[in-house]
Amino acid sequence: MVIRRSSHSVWDCGYHLVWATKRRRRALVHEHERAYCEKLLRRVAEKYDMFVVAMEVDVDHVHISVEIPPQLSVGTAVRAFKSLSARYMLKRFPYLKRQFWSAMWSPSYFVRTIGEGVTAETVRRYIETHEERSELGSAQAELFRDGGGRKGRKRKA
């Protein structure tokens, strides 16, 4: 991650975001759909002065390592990513509406700050190699080696 500057702040706010398609449907099966979705997400990031470090759009979910300015909440950033990408994806690929009656993305998402414990490099490598491992089983275990949450409690991502 890089120290960023804006008119009134100096910041380093990195996040790992993950969200799935509605009902985890494997809807983005064509490469051109995933490429367009990635292009849209990068445009949203640019519009809101966010910086995408790494991104993987899979058939049923999205992983993004992103730097979000402190003036923007994580929830606002995720809402922007999901709402704008869904609007333009469904406009460009109207046949996707048959799979998603009311919404393209699940209302939930995963967020983790990047820093102590999980470095930016760990998340970047995880996202870049995610597709290779997704066919081999659960890749989440490699990112969260200690099993997740506090006091041994397991968390799903």
N, C-alpha and C. Protein backbone atom coordinates (compact mmCIF):
# COMPACT_ATOMS: atom_id res chain seq x y z
N MET A 1 0.84 -1.18 0.00
CA MET A 1 0.00 0.00 0.00
C MET A 1 0.89 1.24 0.00
N VAL A 2 0.32 2.31 -0.45
CA VAL A 2 1.04 3.56 -0.61
C VAL A 2 0.39 4.61 0.28
N ILE A 3 1.20 5.48 0.85
CA ILE A 3 0.66 6.61 1.59
C ILE A 3 0.06 7.58 0.57
N ARG A 4 -1.21 7.89 0.73
CA ARG A 4 -1.92 8.77 -0.20
C ARG A 4 -2.14 10.12 0.47
N ARG A 5 -2.29 11.13 -0.34
CA ARG A 5 -2.53 12.49 0.16
C ARG A 5 -3.74 13.08 -0.53
N SER A 6 -4.54 13.77 0.25
CA SER A 6 -5.63 14.56 -0.32
C SER A 6 -5.48 15.97 0.25
N SER A 7 -6.42 16.82 -0.02
CA SER A 7 -6.27 18.22 0.38
C SER A 7 -6.11 18.40 1.89
N HIS A 8 -6.73 17.55 2.68
CA HIS A 8 -6.68 17.73 4.14
C HIS A 8 -6.28 16.47 4.90
N SER A 9 -5.75 15.48 4.21
CA SER A 9 -5.39 14.25 4.93
C SER A 9 -4.27 13.50 4.22
N VAL A 10 -3.58 12.71 5.01
CA VAL A 10 -2.59 11.76 4.52
C VAL A 10 -3.08 10.41 5.04
N TRP A 11 -3.18 9.42 4.15
CA TRP A 11 -3.83 8.19 4.58
C TRP A 11 -3.28 6.94 3.91
N ASP A 12 -3.53 5.83 4.59
CA ASP A 12 -3.20 4.50 4.11
C ASP A 12 -4.29 3.57 4.63
N CYS A 13 -5.40 3.51 3.92
CA CYS A 13 -6.59 2.77 4.36
C CYS A 13 -6.87 1.66 3.35
N GLY A 14 -6.29 0.50 3.57
CA GLY A 14 -6.47 -0.63 2.65
C GLY A 14 -7.49 -1.62 3.17
N TYR A 15 -8.29 -2.16 2.25
CA TYR A 15 -9.33 -3.11 2.60
C TYR A 15 -9.37 -4.26 1.61
N HIS A 16 -9.74 -5.42 2.12
CA HIS A 16 -10.03 -6.58 1.28
C HIS A 16 -11.55 -6.73 1.31
N LEU A 17 -12.20 -6.60 0.15
CA LEU A 17 -13.65 -6.71 0.05
C LEU A 17 -14.01 -7.94 -0.77
N VAL A 18 -15.07 -8.62 -0.32
CA VAL A 18 -15.59 -9.77 -1.06
C VAL A 18 -17.11 -9.70 -1.01
N TRP A 19 -17.76 -9.87 -2.17
CA TRP A 19 -19.20 -10.04 -2.17
C TRP A 19 -19.58 -11.02 -3.27
N ALA A 20 -20.75 -11.62 -3.10
CA ALA A 20 -21.19 -12.68 -4.01
C ALA A 20 -22.40 -12.23 -4.81
N THR A 21 -22.67 -12.99 -5.86
CA THR A 21 -23.89 -12.78 -6.62
C THR A 21 -25.07 -13.23 -5.75
N LYS A 22 -26.24 -12.75 -6.07
CA LYS A 22 -27.45 -13.14 -5.34
C LYS A 22 -27.61 -14.66 -5.40
N ARG A 23 -27.84 -15.25 -4.26
CA ARG A 23 -27.99 -16.71 -4.10
C ARG A 23 -26.78 -17.47 -4.65
N ARG A 24 -25.64 -16.80 -4.67
CA ARG A 24 -24.36 -17.36 -5.13
C ARG A 24 -24.47 -18.04 -6.49
N ARG A 25 -25.33 -17.48 -7.33
CA ARG A 25 -25.51 -18.04 -8.68
C ARG A 25 -24.24 -17.86 -9.51
N ARG A 26 -23.89 -18.90 -10.23
CA ARG A 26 -22.72 -18.87 -11.11
C ARG A 26 -23.15 -18.24 -12.44
N ALA A 27 -23.33 -16.94 -12.41
CA ALA A 27 -23.94 -16.23 -13.53
C ALA A 27 -22.95 -15.61 -14.50
N LEU A 28 -21.79 -15.20 -14.02
CA LEU A 28 -20.82 -14.51 -14.89
C LEU A 28 -19.89 -15.55 -15.52
N VAL A 29 -20.47 -16.38 -16.36
CA VAL A 29 -19.73 -17.52 -16.90
C VAL A 29 -18.84 -17.16 -18.09
N HIS A 30 -19.14 -16.06 -18.76
CA HIS A 30 -18.36 -15.68 -19.93
C HIS A 30 -17.28 -14.67 -19.55
N GLU A 31 -16.13 -14.83 -20.15
CA GLU A 31 -15.00 -13.94 -19.85
C GLU A 31 -15.34 -12.49 -20.14
N HIS A 32 -16.06 -12.21 -21.21
CA HIS A 32 -16.40 -10.82 -21.55
C HIS A 32 -17.32 -10.19 -20.49
N GLU A 33 -18.15 -10.97 -19.83
CA GLU A 33 -18.99 -10.46 -18.73
C GLU A 33 -18.13 -10.06 -17.54
N ARG A 34 -17.21 -10.95 -17.18
CA ARG A 34 -16.33 -10.67 -16.03
C ARG A 34 -15.42 -9.48 -16.34
N ALA A 35 -14.92 -9.39 -17.57
CA ALA A 35 -14.04 -8.28 -17.95
C ALA A 35 -14.80 -6.96 -17.89
N TYR A 36 -16.04 -6.96 -18.35
CA TYR A 36 -16.84 -5.74 -18.32
C TYR A 36 -17.14 -5.34 -16.87
N CYS A 37 -17.45 -6.32 -16.04
CA CYS A 37 -17.72 -6.05 -14.62
C CYS A 37 -16.48 -5.44 -13.96
N GLU A 38 -15.31 -6.00 -14.25
CA GLU A 38 -14.07 -5.45 -13.70
C GLU A 38 -13.86 -4.01 -14.17
N LYS A 39 -14.12 -3.76 -15.44
CA LYS A 39 -13.98 -2.40 -15.98
C LYS A 39 -14.91 -1.44 -15.26
N LEU A 40 -16.15 -1.86 -15.01
CA LEU A 40 -17.11 -1.02 -14.29
C LEU A 40 -16.63 -0.74 -12.86
N LEU A 41 -16.15 -1.77 -12.18
CA LEU A 41 -15.68 -1.60 -10.80
C LEU A 41 -14.49 -0.65 -10.74
N ARG A 42 -13.61 -0.73 -11.72
CA ARG A 42 -12.47 0.20 -11.76
C ARG A 42 -12.95 1.64 -12.00
N ARG A 43 -13.97 1.81 -12.83
CA ARG A 43 -14.53 3.15 -13.05
C ARG A 43 -15.16 3.72 -11.79
N VAL A 44 -15.87 2.87 -11.05
CA VAL A 44 -16.47 3.31 -9.78
C VAL A 44 -15.38 3.75 -8.82
N ALA A 45 -14.32 2.95 -8.73
CA ALA A 45 -13.20 3.30 -7.84
C ALA A 45 -12.62 4.65 -8.23
N GLU A 46 -12.42 4.86 -9.50
CA GLU A 46 -11.86 6.13 -9.98
C GLU A 46 -12.79 7.30 -9.65
N LYS A 47 -14.08 7.10 -9.86
CA LYS A 47 -15.07 8.16 -9.60
C LYS A 47 -15.05 8.60 -8.13
N TYR A 48 -14.84 7.64 -7.22
CA TYR A 48 -14.87 7.93 -5.79
C TYR A 48 -13.46 8.08 -5.19
N ASP A 49 -12.46 8.29 -6.01
CA ASP A 49 -11.06 8.46 -5.57
C ASP A 49 -10.53 7.29 -4.76
N MET A 50 -10.96 6.09 -5.13
CA MET A 50 -10.43 4.87 -4.51
C MET A 50 -9.35 4.32 -5.44
N PHE A 51 -8.47 3.50 -4.90
CA PHE A 51 -7.38 2.93 -5.68
C PHE A 51 -7.43 1.41 -5.59
N VAL A 52 -7.66 0.76 -6.72
CA VAL A 52 -7.72 -0.70 -6.77
C VAL A 52 -6.30 -1.25 -6.84
N VAL A 53 -5.96 -2.09 -5.88
CA VAL A 53 -4.64 -2.73 -5.83
C VAL A 53 -4.67 -4.04 -6.60
N ALA A 54 -5.72 -4.83 -6.39
CA ALA A 54 -5.90 -6.10 -7.09
C ALA A 54 -7.39 -6.41 -7.14
N MET A 55 -7.78 -7.14 -8.18
CA MET A 55 -9.20 -7.47 -8.33
C MET A 55 -9.34 -8.79 -9.06
N GLU A 56 -10.35 -9.57 -8.65
CA GLU A 56 -10.69 -10.80 -9.34
C GLU A 56 -12.21 -10.89 -9.39
N VAL A 57 -12.76 -10.89 -10.59
CA VAL A 57 -14.20 -11.10 -10.76
C VAL A 57 -14.37 -12.55 -11.17
N ASP A 58 -15.01 -13.34 -10.32
CA ASP A 58 -15.22 -14.75 -10.58
C ASP A 58 -16.66 -14.97 -11.06
N VAL A 59 -17.03 -16.19 -11.35
CA VAL A 59 -18.36 -16.46 -11.88
C VAL A 59 -19.46 -16.16 -10.85
N ASP A 60 -19.14 -16.21 -9.55
CA ASP A 60 -20.17 -16.02 -8.54
C ASP A 60 -19.77 -15.07 -7.41
N HIS A 61 -18.64 -14.42 -7.51
CA HIS A 61 -18.24 -13.45 -6.48
C HIS A 61 -17.12 -12.54 -6.98
N VAL A 62 -16.85 -11.51 -6.18
CA VAL A 62 -15.82 -10.52 -6.51
C VAL A 62 -14.89 -10.37 -5.31
N HIS A 63 -13.60 -10.30 -5.56
CA HIS A 63 -12.58 -9.97 -4.56
C HIS A 63 -11.92 -8.67 -5.00
N ILE A 64 -11.78 -7.72 -4.09
CA ILE A 64 -11.06 -6.49 -4.41
C ILE A 64 -10.16 -6.12 -3.24
N SER A 65 -8.93 -5.80 -3.54
CA SER A 65 -8.04 -5.15 -2.59
C SER A 65 -8.04 -3.69 -3.01
N VAL A 66 -8.53 -2.82 -2.12
CA VAL A 66 -8.76 -1.43 -2.51
C VAL A 66 -8.36 -0.48 -1.39
N GLU A 67 -7.88 0.67 -1.76
CA GLU A 67 -7.60 1.74 -0.81
C GLU A 67 -8.75 2.74 -0.90
N ILE A 68 -9.41 2.97 0.23
CA ILE A 68 -10.57 3.84 0.28
C ILE A 68 -10.21 5.07 1.10
N PRO A 69 -10.41 6.27 0.57
CA PRO A 69 -10.06 7.48 1.31
C PRO A 69 -10.87 7.59 2.61
N PRO A 70 -10.30 8.18 3.64
CA PRO A 70 -10.98 8.24 4.94
C PRO A 70 -12.28 9.03 4.91
N GLN A 71 -12.49 9.86 3.92
CA GLN A 71 -13.74 10.62 3.81
C GLN A 71 -14.91 9.74 3.39
N LEU A 72 -14.62 8.54 2.93
CA LEU A 72 -15.63 7.63 2.41
C LEU A 72 -15.71 6.40 3.31
N SER A 73 -16.89 6.06 3.79
CA SER A 73 -17.02 4.86 4.62
C SER A 73 -16.92 3.62 3.74
N VAL A 74 -16.56 2.51 4.35
CA VAL A 74 -16.48 1.24 3.62
C VAL A 74 -17.85 0.87 3.09
N GLY A 75 -18.88 1.05 3.89
CA GLY A 75 -20.23 0.72 3.46
C GLY A 75 -20.66 1.52 2.24
N THR A 76 -20.34 2.80 2.23
CA THR A 76 -20.66 3.65 1.08
C THR A 76 -19.89 3.18 -0.16
N ALA A 77 -18.64 2.81 0.02
CA ALA A 77 -17.83 2.32 -1.10
C ALA A 77 -18.42 1.03 -1.67
N VAL A 78 -18.77 0.10 -0.80
CA VAL A 78 -19.33 -1.17 -1.26
C VAL A 78 -20.67 -0.94 -1.96
N ARG A 79 -21.52 -0.08 -1.40
CA ARG A 79 -22.80 0.23 -2.06
C ARG A 79 -22.57 0.81 -3.45
N ALA A 80 -21.58 1.68 -3.58
CA ALA A 80 -21.27 2.26 -4.90
C ALA A 80 -20.81 1.17 -5.87
N PHE A 81 -19.88 0.32 -5.42
CA PHE A 81 -19.39 -0.76 -6.28
C PHE A 81 -20.55 -1.64 -6.75
N LYS A 82 -21.37 -2.09 -5.79
CA LYS A 82 -22.42 -3.05 -6.11
C LYS A 82 -23.56 -2.44 -6.92
N SER A 83 -24.03 -1.26 -6.54
CA SER A 83 -25.19 -0.70 -7.23
C SER A 83 -24.85 -0.26 -8.66
N LEU A 84 -23.74 0.43 -8.83
CA LEU A 84 -23.39 0.91 -10.17
C LEU A 84 -23.01 -0.24 -11.10
N SER A 85 -22.27 -1.22 -10.58
CA SER A 85 -21.89 -2.35 -11.44
C SER A 85 -23.13 -3.15 -11.83
N ALA A 86 -24.05 -3.38 -10.90
CA ALA A 86 -25.27 -4.14 -11.23
C ALA A 86 -26.11 -3.40 -12.27
N ARG A 87 -26.28 -2.11 -12.08
CA ARG A 87 -27.10 -1.33 -13.02
C ARG A 87 -26.57 -1.47 -14.45
N TYR A 88 -25.27 -1.28 -14.62
CA TYR A 88 -24.71 -1.31 -15.97
C TYR A 88 -24.52 -2.72 -16.51
N MET A 89 -24.27 -3.69 -15.63
CA MET A 89 -24.18 -5.08 -16.09
C MET A 89 -25.52 -5.55 -16.64
N LEU A 90 -26.61 -5.26 -15.91
CA LEU A 90 -27.93 -5.71 -16.35
C LEU A 90 -28.40 -4.94 -17.59
N LYS A 91 -27.91 -3.73 -17.75
CA LYS A 91 -28.24 -2.97 -18.95
C LYS A 91 -27.50 -3.53 -20.16
N ARG A 92 -26.24 -3.85 -19.98
CA ARG A 92 -25.42 -4.36 -21.09
C ARG A 92 -25.75 -5.81 -21.43
N PHE A 93 -26.08 -6.61 -20.40
CA PHE A 93 -26.38 -8.03 -20.59
C PHE A 93 -27.78 -8.32 -20.05
N PRO A 94 -28.83 -7.93 -20.77
CA PRO A 94 -30.19 -8.06 -20.24
C PRO A 94 -30.59 -9.50 -19.92
N TYR A 95 -29.96 -10.48 -20.55
CA TYR A 95 -30.28 -11.88 -20.26
C TYR A 95 -29.94 -12.27 -18.83
N LEU A 96 -29.06 -11.50 -18.15
CA LEU A 96 -28.75 -11.79 -16.75
C LEU A 96 -29.94 -11.53 -15.84
N LYS A 97 -30.89 -10.71 -16.27
CA LYS A 97 -32.08 -10.41 -15.45
C LYS A 97 -32.89 -11.66 -15.15
N ARG A 98 -32.81 -12.66 -16.02
CA ARG A 98 -33.53 -13.92 -15.77
C ARG A 98 -32.98 -14.65 -14.56
N GLN A 99 -31.68 -14.48 -14.27
CA GLN A 99 -31.09 -15.15 -13.12
C GLN A 99 -31.24 -14.34 -11.84
N PHE A 100 -31.34 -13.02 -11.99
CA PHE A 100 -31.43 -12.14 -10.83
C PHE A 100 -32.75 -11.38 -10.91
N TRP A 101 -33.75 -11.81 -10.16
CA TRP A 101 -35.06 -11.19 -10.26
C TRP A 101 -35.03 -9.75 -9.75
N SER A 102 -34.50 -9.56 -8.56
CA SER A 102 -34.56 -8.21 -7.98
C SER A 102 -33.20 -7.56 -7.81
N ALA A 103 -32.15 -8.32 -7.67
CA ALA A 103 -30.82 -7.75 -7.44
C ALA A 103 -29.77 -8.71 -7.97
N MET A 104 -28.68 -8.13 -8.45
CA MET A 104 -27.58 -8.95 -8.97
C MET A 104 -26.66 -9.45 -7.86
N TRP A 105 -26.40 -8.58 -6.89
CA TRP A 105 -25.47 -8.91 -5.82
C TRP A 105 -26.21 -9.25 -4.53
N SER A 106 -25.63 -10.13 -3.76
CA SER A 106 -26.15 -10.43 -2.43
C SER A 106 -26.06 -9.16 -1.58
N PRO A 107 -26.97 -8.97 -0.63
CA PRO A 107 -26.90 -7.75 0.19
C PRO A 107 -25.72 -7.74 1.16
N SER A 108 -25.12 -8.88 1.41
CA SER A 108 -24.01 -8.94 2.37
C SER A 108 -22.66 -8.82 1.68
N TYR A 109 -21.64 -8.57 2.49
CA TYR A 109 -20.27 -8.51 1.98
C TYR A 109 -19.30 -8.77 3.12
N PHE A 110 -18.07 -9.10 2.76
CA PHE A 110 -16.99 -9.31 3.72
C PHE A 110 -16.01 -8.16 3.56
N VAL A 111 -15.52 -7.65 4.68
CA VAL A 111 -14.49 -6.62 4.64
C VAL A 111 -13.46 -6.93 5.71
N ARG A 112 -12.22 -6.73 5.39
CA ARG A 112 -11.14 -6.86 6.36
C ARG A 112 -10.11 -5.79 6.05
N THR A 113 -9.65 -5.13 7.09
CA THR A 113 -8.60 -4.15 6.88
C THR A 113 -7.32 -4.88 6.56
N ILE A 114 -6.48 -4.23 5.80
CA ILE A 114 -5.19 -4.81 5.44
C ILE A 114 -4.14 -4.12 6.30
N GLY A 115 -3.42 -4.91 7.02
CA GLY A 115 -2.42 -4.36 7.92
C GLY A 115 -1.82 -5.48 8.75
N GLU A 116 -1.75 -5.25 10.03
CA GLU A 116 -1.15 -6.22 10.95
C GLU A 116 -1.88 -7.56 10.87
N GLY A 117 -1.14 -8.63 10.72
CA GLY A 117 -1.73 -9.97 10.64
C GLY A 117 -1.97 -10.41 9.21
N VAL A 118 -2.66 -9.61 8.43
CA VAL A 118 -2.89 -9.89 7.02
C VAL A 118 -2.31 -8.71 6.25
N THR A 119 -1.20 -8.94 5.61
CA THR A 119 -0.53 -7.86 4.91
C THR A 119 -1.15 -7.63 3.54
N ALA A 120 -0.88 -6.50 2.98
CA ALA A 120 -1.35 -6.19 1.63
C ALA A 120 -0.83 -7.21 0.63
N GLU A 121 0.41 -7.64 0.81
CA GLU A 121 1.01 -8.61 -0.10
C GLU A 121 0.26 -9.95 -0.02
N THR A 122 -0.12 -10.37 1.18
CA THR A 122 -0.87 -11.61 1.36
C THR A 122 -2.19 -11.54 0.61
N VAL A 123 -2.91 -10.45 0.75
CA VAL A 123 -4.20 -10.31 0.08
C VAL A 123 -4.01 -10.22 -1.43
N ARG A 124 -3.02 -9.46 -1.89
CA ARG A 124 -2.77 -9.35 -3.32
C ARG A 124 -2.48 -10.73 -3.93
N ARG A 125 -1.58 -11.51 -3.30
CA ARG A 125 -1.25 -12.84 -3.81
C ARG A 125 -2.47 -13.74 -3.78
N TYR A 126 -3.26 -13.65 -2.71
CA TYR A 126 -4.47 -14.45 -2.58
C TYR A 126 -5.44 -14.16 -3.73
N ILE A 127 -5.67 -12.89 -4.02
CA ILE A 127 -6.61 -12.52 -5.09
C ILE A 127 -6.07 -12.94 -6.45
N GLU A 128 -4.79 -12.72 -6.68
CA GLU A 128 -4.22 -13.05 -7.98
C GLU A 128 -4.18 -14.54 -8.26
N THR A 129 -4.10 -15.37 -7.22
CA THR A 129 -4.04 -16.82 -7.42
C THR A 129 -5.34 -17.51 -7.05
N HIS A 130 -6.37 -16.74 -6.73
CA HIS A 130 -7.64 -17.30 -6.28
C HIS A 130 -8.28 -18.22 -7.31
N GLU A 131 -8.29 -17.81 -8.56
CA GLU A 131 -8.94 -18.60 -9.60
C GLU A 131 -8.28 -19.97 -9.76
N GLU A 132 -6.96 -20.03 -9.63
CA GLU A 132 -6.24 -21.29 -9.76
C GLU A 132 -6.64 -22.27 -8.66
N ARG A 133 -6.87 -21.75 -7.44
CA ARG A 133 -7.16 -22.61 -6.31
C ARG A 133 -8.64 -22.90 -6.14
N SER A 134 -9.52 -22.12 -6.75
CA SER A 134 -10.96 -22.28 -6.50
C SER A 134 -11.46 -23.65 -6.93
N GLU A 135 -10.83 -24.28 -7.89
CA GLU A 135 -11.25 -25.60 -8.32
C GLU A 135 -10.71 -26.69 -7.41
N LEU A 136 -9.77 -26.37 -6.55
CA LEU A 136 -9.16 -27.36 -5.67
C LEU A 136 -9.83 -27.46 -4.31
N GLY A 137 -10.79 -26.60 -4.02
CA GLY A 137 -11.45 -26.62 -2.72
C GLY A 137 -11.40 -25.26 -2.09
N SER A 138 -11.49 -25.23 -0.77
CA SER A 138 -11.57 -23.96 -0.06
C SER A 138 -10.23 -23.26 -0.04
N ALA A 139 -10.17 -22.09 -0.66
CA ALA A 139 -8.95 -21.28 -0.66
C ALA A 139 -8.91 -20.35 0.53
N GLN A 140 -10.03 -20.18 1.23
CA GLN A 140 -10.08 -19.26 2.36
C GLN A 140 -9.10 -19.67 3.45
N ALA A 141 -8.88 -20.96 3.62
CA ALA A 141 -7.99 -21.42 4.68
C ALA A 141 -6.57 -20.89 4.52
N GLU A 142 -6.13 -20.68 3.27
CA GLU A 142 -4.79 -20.17 3.05
C GLU A 142 -4.64 -18.71 3.47
N LEU A 143 -5.71 -17.95 3.34
CA LEU A 143 -5.65 -16.55 3.73
C LEU A 143 -5.78 -16.41 5.24
N PHE A 144 -6.66 -17.20 5.84
CA PHE A 144 -6.91 -17.11 7.28
C PHE A 144 -6.36 -18.38 7.94
N ARG A 145 -5.06 -18.47 7.99
CA ARG A 145 -4.38 -19.68 8.47
C ARG A 145 -4.79 -20.08 9.89
N ASP A 146 -5.08 -19.10 10.75
CA ASP A 146 -5.41 -19.43 12.13
C ASP A 146 -6.89 -19.77 12.30
N GLY A 147 -7.63 -19.84 11.21
CA GLY A 147 -9.02 -20.23 11.30
C GLY A 147 -9.99 -19.08 11.45
N GLY A 148 -9.51 -17.87 11.52
CA GLY A 148 -10.46 -16.77 11.52
C GLY A 148 -10.46 -15.94 12.77
N GLY A 149 -11.63 -15.84 13.37
CA GLY A 149 -11.91 -14.87 14.43
C GLY A 149 -11.21 -15.08 15.74
N ARG A 150 -11.66 -14.34 16.72
CA ARG A 150 -11.06 -14.35 18.05
C ARG A 150 -11.33 -15.66 18.76
N LYS A 151 -10.41 -16.07 19.59
CA LYS A 151 -10.54 -17.23 20.47
C LYS A 151 -10.97 -18.48 19.72
N GLY A 152 -10.41 -18.67 18.51
CA GLY A 152 -10.64 -19.88 17.76
C GLY A 152 -12.00 -19.96 17.07
N ARG A 153 -12.85 -18.95 17.20
CA ARG A 153 -14.14 -18.96 16.54
C ARG A 153 -13.92 -18.90 15.03
N LYS A 154 -14.60 -19.74 14.29
CA LYS A 154 -14.44 -19.76 12.84
C LYS A 154 -15.43 -18.80 12.20
N ARG A 155 -14.97 -18.12 11.15
CA ARG A 155 -15.80 -17.19 10.38
C ARG A 155 -15.85 -17.61 8.94
N LYS A 156 -16.98 -17.37 8.32
CA LYS A 156 -17.09 -17.63 6.87
C LYS A 156 -16.81 -16.35 6.12
N ALA A 157 -16.22 -16.48 4.94
CA ALA A 157 -15.97 -15.29 4.09
C ALA A 157 -16.68 -15.43 2.80
